[in-house]
Amino acid sequence: MTASAWFVYIVRCADHTLYTGITTDVERRLAEHNGEGGLGARYTRSRRPVALAYVEPAVSRADAARREAAIKLLDRARKLALCTSFP
């Protein structure tokens, strides 16, 4: 990952649903979603464990939030296609 202040990420939940969010620390946020050191999102709390499926850097919080909103508008097939581009 590049040196960026913000990241947009997608996690795949245990029930195979996808959750999109933004953060400044992907590893910490993933741990929180999995119940380590924080609650994580309400959505992922009952769908653990989650696994990182996609990450992209953003220049600012505003850019990250805009990209998150754009990803959330995609249908599931397009989100999965985005995830397949992630190593």
Protein backbone atom coordinates (compact mmCIF):
# COMPACT_ATOMS: atom_id res chain seq x y z
CA MET A 1 0.00 0.00 0.00
CA THR A 2 1.17 3.51 -0.67
CA ALA A 3 1.79 6.23 1.89
CA SER A 4 -1.70 7.70 2.06
CA ALA A 5 -3.56 9.27 4.92
CA TRP A 6 -6.83 7.53 4.03
CA PHE A 7 -7.93 4.24 2.51
CA VAL A 8 -11.19 2.86 1.12
CA TYR A 9 -11.62 -0.85 1.83
CA ILE A 10 -14.01 -3.72 1.28
CA VAL A 11 -14.22 -6.70 3.61
CA ARG A 12 -15.93 -10.00 2.89
CA CYS A 13 -17.98 -11.18 5.84
CA ALA A 14 -18.46 -14.80 6.97
CA ASP A 15 -21.91 -14.82 5.33
CA HIS A 16 -20.27 -13.73 2.02
CA THR A 17 -21.71 -10.22 2.13
CA LEU A 18 -19.47 -7.23 1.45
CA TYR A 19 -18.90 -4.20 3.68
CA THR A 20 -17.24 -0.99 2.46
CA GLY A 21 -15.61 1.60 4.70
CA ILE A 22 -12.82 4.14 5.07
CA THR A 23 -9.94 4.31 7.54
CA THR A 24 -6.47 5.67 8.16
CA ASP A 25 -5.18 2.25 9.33
CA VAL A 26 -6.46 -0.78 7.42
CA GLU A 27 -4.90 -3.43 9.69
CA ARG A 28 -6.31 -1.82 12.86
CA ARG A 29 -9.76 -1.44 11.32
CA LEU A 30 -9.79 -5.05 10.12
CA ALA A 31 -8.87 -6.18 13.64
CA GLU A 32 -11.72 -4.03 15.04
CA HIS A 33 -14.19 -5.58 12.60
CA ASN A 34 -13.05 -8.97 13.88
CA GLY A 35 -13.62 -7.96 17.52
CA GLU A 36 -10.06 -7.14 18.55
CA GLY A 37 -9.58 -3.84 20.38
CA GLY A 38 -12.89 -2.30 19.37
CA LEU A 39 -16.41 -2.99 18.31
CA GLY A 40 -16.05 -2.58 14.57
CA ALA A 41 -19.12 -1.69 12.56
CA ARG A 42 -22.53 -2.82 13.73
CA TYR A 43 -23.01 -4.58 10.39
CA THR A 44 -19.90 -6.74 10.74
CA ARG A 45 -20.32 -7.61 14.45
CA SER A 46 -22.74 -10.43 13.69
CA ARG A 47 -20.96 -11.51 10.50
CA ARG A 48 -17.49 -12.36 11.80
CA PRO A 49 -14.88 -13.23 10.83
CA VAL A 50 -14.29 -10.74 8.06
CA ALA A 51 -11.43 -10.80 5.55
CA LEU A 52 -9.93 -7.95 3.58
CA ALA A 53 -11.08 -8.13 -0.04
CA TYR A 54 -9.99 -4.76 -1.48
CA VAL A 55 -8.07 -1.60 -0.54
CA GLU A 56 -7.32 1.59 -2.43
CA PRO A 57 -5.56 4.75 -1.21
CA ALA A 58 -7.23 8.14 -1.12
CA VAL A 59 -5.63 11.57 -0.97
CA SER A 60 -7.95 12.95 1.72
CA ARG A 61 -10.83 11.97 3.95
CA ALA A 62 -13.23 13.73 1.59
CA ASP A 63 -11.90 11.77 -1.40
CA ALA A 64 -12.13 8.53 0.56
CA ALA A 65 -15.73 9.27 1.56
CA ARG A 66 -16.68 10.09 -2.04
CA ARG A 67 -15.10 6.87 -3.32
CA GLU A 68 -16.79 4.87 -0.55
CA ALA A 69 -20.16 6.31 -1.58
CA ALA A 70 -19.46 5.47 -5.23
CA ILE A 71 -18.52 1.88 -4.38
CA LYS A 72 -21.64 1.47 -2.25
CA LEU A 73 -23.73 2.39 -5.30
CA LEU A 74 -22.23 -0.46 -7.34
CA ASP A 75 -24.13 -3.71 -7.66
CA ARG A 76 -22.66 -6.85 -6.10
CA ALA A 77 -21.18 -8.11 -9.40
CA ARG A 78 -19.24 -4.88 -9.90
CA LYS A 79 -18.02 -4.90 -6.29
CA LEU A 80 -16.80 -8.47 -6.74
CA ALA A 81 -15.05 -7.50 -9.98
CA LEU A 82 -13.31 -4.70 -8.09
CA CYS A 83 -12.23 -7.18 -5.43
CA THR A 84 -10.72 -9.52 -8.01
CA SER A 85 -8.36 -6.71 -9.03
CA PHE A 86 -6.90 -6.71 -5.51
CA PRO A 87 -3.91 -9.06 -5.05
